[in-house]
């Protein structure tokens, strides 16, 4: 049980890092033409796309990565509180 929890928590932590990296790289490569940008988009899009569809448009700023980070953080907290 603890092994599964650790794997899940590690996966969520890696996803948080990938979302942060994607957001930072989007400032330098907005069209996602670099290979690393393309990989990060492929990895994080399944999490960010549903949030983007639900959130209202805010102009040029996309808040969906921030919301995704918040949701992942809350999920990690709930998992830790449920087990410990």
C-alpha atoms as a PDB file:
ATOM      1  CA  UNK A   1       0.000   0.000   0.000  1.00  0.00           C
ATOM      2  CA  UNK A   2       2.734   2.426   0.943  1.00  0.00           C
ATOM      3  CA  UNK A   3       4.644   1.609  -2.256  1.00  0.00           C
ATOM      4  CA  UNK A   4       1.610   2.436  -4.398  1.00  0.00           C
ATOM      5  CA  UNK A   5       1.113   5.695  -2.511  1.00  0.00           C
ATOM      6  CA  UNK A   6       4.758   6.664  -3.010  1.00  0.00           C
ATOM      7  CA  UNK A   7       4.564   5.911  -6.733  1.00  0.00           C
ATOM      8  CA  UNK A   8       1.374   7.966  -7.064  1.00  0.00           C
ATOM      9  CA  UNK A   9       2.792  10.885  -5.081  1.00  0.00           C
ATOM     10  CA  UNK A  10       5.974  10.800  -7.165  1.00  0.00           C
ATOM     11  CA  UNK A  11       3.935  10.775 -10.375  1.00  0.00           C
ATOM     12  CA  UNK A  12       1.920  13.784  -9.209  1.00  0.00           C
ATOM     13  CA  UNK A  13       5.115  15.621  -8.236  1.00  0.00           C
ATOM     14  CA  UNK A  14       6.636  14.934 -11.670  1.00  0.00           C
ATOM     15  CA  UNK A  15       3.444  16.220 -13.319  1.00  0.00           C
ATOM     16  CA  UNK A  16       3.689  19.416 -11.279  1.00  0.00           C
ATOM     17  CA  UNK A  17       7.268  19.889 -12.466  1.00  0.00           C
ATOM     18  CA  UNK A  18       6.242  19.210 -16.069  1.00  0.00           C
ATOM     19  CA  UNK A  19       3.443  21.790 -15.891  1.00  0.00           C
ATOM     20  CA  UNK A  20       5.794  24.388 -14.418  1.00  0.00           C
ATOM     21  CA  UNK A  21       8.416  23.635 -17.084  1.00  0.00           C
ATOM     22  CA  UNK A  22       5.777  23.892 -19.808  1.00  0.00           C
ATOM     23  CA  UNK A  23       4.604  27.258 -18.509  1.00  0.00           C
ATOM     24  CA  UNK A  24       8.141  28.641 -18.346  1.00  0.00           C
ATOM     25  CA  UNK A  25       9.074  27.298 -21.791  1.00  0.00           C
ATOM     26  CA  UNK A  26       5.932  28.822 -23.281  1.00  0.00           C
ATOM     27  CA  UNK A  27       7.477  32.253 -22.698  1.00  0.00           C
ATOM     28  CA  UNK A  28      10.472  31.365 -24.872  1.00  0.00           C
ATOM     29  CA  UNK A  29       8.806  28.982 -27.352  1.00  0.00           C
ATOM     30  CA  UNK A  30       5.145  30.010 -27.610  1.00  0.00           C
ATOM     31  CA  UNK A  31       4.502  27.821 -30.663  1.00  0.00           C
ATOM     32  CA  UNK A  32       5.959  24.710 -28.982  1.00  0.00           C
ATOM     33  CA  UNK A  33       8.389  24.096 -31.841  1.00  0.00           C
ATOM     34  CA  UNK A  34      11.255  22.861 -29.689  1.00  0.00           C
ATOM     35  CA  UNK A  35      11.319  19.097 -29.062  1.00  0.00           C
ATOM     36  CA  UNK A  36      11.281  19.508 -25.266  1.00  0.00           C
ATOM     37  CA  UNK A  37       8.291  21.826 -25.534  1.00  0.00           C
ATOM     38  CA  UNK A  38       6.452  19.293 -27.689  1.00  0.00           C
ATOM     39  CA  UNK A  39       7.131  16.517 -25.178  1.00  0.00           C
ATOM     40  CA  UNK A  40       5.914  18.643 -22.274  1.00  0.00           C
ATOM     41  CA  UNK A  41       2.753  19.574 -24.182  1.00  0.00           C
ATOM     42  CA  UNK A  42       2.034  15.908 -24.947  1.00  0.00           C
ATOM     43  CA  UNK A  43       2.560  14.903 -21.318  1.00  0.00           C
ATOM     44  CA  UNK A  44       0.606  17.715 -19.678  1.00  0.00           C
ATOM     45  CA  UNK A  45      -2.185  18.351 -22.201  1.00  0.00           C
ATOM     46  CA  UNK A  46      -4.441  15.546 -20.867  1.00  0.00           C
ATOM     47  CA  UNK A  47      -4.519  17.399 -17.535  1.00  0.00           C
ATOM     48  CA  UNK A  48      -4.626  20.991 -18.770  1.00  0.00           C
ATOM     49  CA  UNK A  49      -7.067  20.638 -21.710  1.00  0.00           C
ATOM     50  CA  UNK A  50     -10.169  19.715 -19.641  1.00  0.00           C
ATOM     51  CA  UNK A  51      -9.470  22.596 -17.259  1.00  0.00           C
ATOM     52  CA  UNK A  52      -9.041  24.986 -20.190  1.00  0.00           C
ATOM     53  CA  UNK A  53     -12.423  23.919 -21.611  1.00  0.00           C
ATOM     54  CA  UNK A  54     -14.189  24.710 -18.324  1.00  0.00           C
ATOM     55  CA  UNK A  55     -12.448  27.981 -17.466  1.00  0.00           C
ATOM     56  CA  UNK A  56     -13.636  31.252 -18.981  1.00  0.00           C
ATOM     57  CA  UNK A  57     -11.355  33.068 -21.413  1.00  0.00           C
ATOM     58  CA  UNK A  58      -9.115  35.705 -19.849  1.00  0.00           C
ATOM     59  CA  UNK A  59      -7.436  37.162 -22.906  1.00  0.00           C
ATOM     60  CA  UNK A  60      -3.781  36.308 -23.467  1.00  0.00           C
ATOM     61  CA  UNK A  61      -3.153  34.753 -20.052  1.00  0.00           C
ATOM     62  CA  UNK A  62      -3.909  31.056 -19.658  1.00  0.00           C
ATOM     63  CA  UNK A  63      -4.647  30.247 -16.020  1.00  0.00           C
ATOM     64  CA  UNK A  64      -5.316  26.546 -16.627  1.00  0.00           C
ATOM     65  CA  UNK A  65      -1.746  25.465 -15.686  1.00  0.00           C
ATOM     66  CA  UNK A  66      -2.097  27.320 -12.394  1.00  0.00           C
ATOM     67  CA  UNK A  67      -5.433  25.632 -11.706  1.00  0.00           C
ATOM     68  CA  UNK A  68      -3.926  22.247 -12.638  1.00  0.00           C
ATOM     69  CA  UNK A  69      -1.058  22.826 -10.195  1.00  0.00           C
ATOM     70  CA  UNK A  70      -3.514  23.731  -7.465  1.00  0.00           C
ATOM     71  CA  UNK A  71      -5.668  20.655  -8.118  1.00  0.00           C
ATOM     72  CA  UNK A  72      -2.653  18.335  -8.130  1.00  0.00           C
ATOM     73  CA  UNK A  73      -1.420  19.895  -4.893  1.00  0.00           C
ATOM     74  CA  UNK A  74      -4.819  19.390  -3.265  1.00  0.00           C
ATOM     75  CA  UNK A  75      -4.951  15.783  -4.500  1.00  0.00           C
ATOM     76  CA  UNK A  76      -1.532  15.115  -2.977  1.00  0.00           C
ATOM     77  CA  UNK A  77      -2.675  16.603   0.336  1.00  0.00           C
ATOM     78  CA  UNK A  78      -5.847  14.503   0.349  1.00  0.00           C
ATOM     79  CA  UNK A  79      -3.875  11.337  -0.394  1.00  0.00           C
ATOM     80  CA  UNK A  80      -1.429  12.043   2.416  1.00  0.00           C
ATOM     81  CA  UNK A  81      -4.216  12.871   4.880  1.00  0.00           C
ATOM     82  CA  UNK A  82      -6.174   9.755   3.955  1.00  0.00           C
ATOM     83  CA  UNK A  83      -3.221   7.458   4.611  1.00  0.00           C
ATOM     84  CA  UNK A  84      -1.498   9.130   7.543  1.00  0.00           C
END
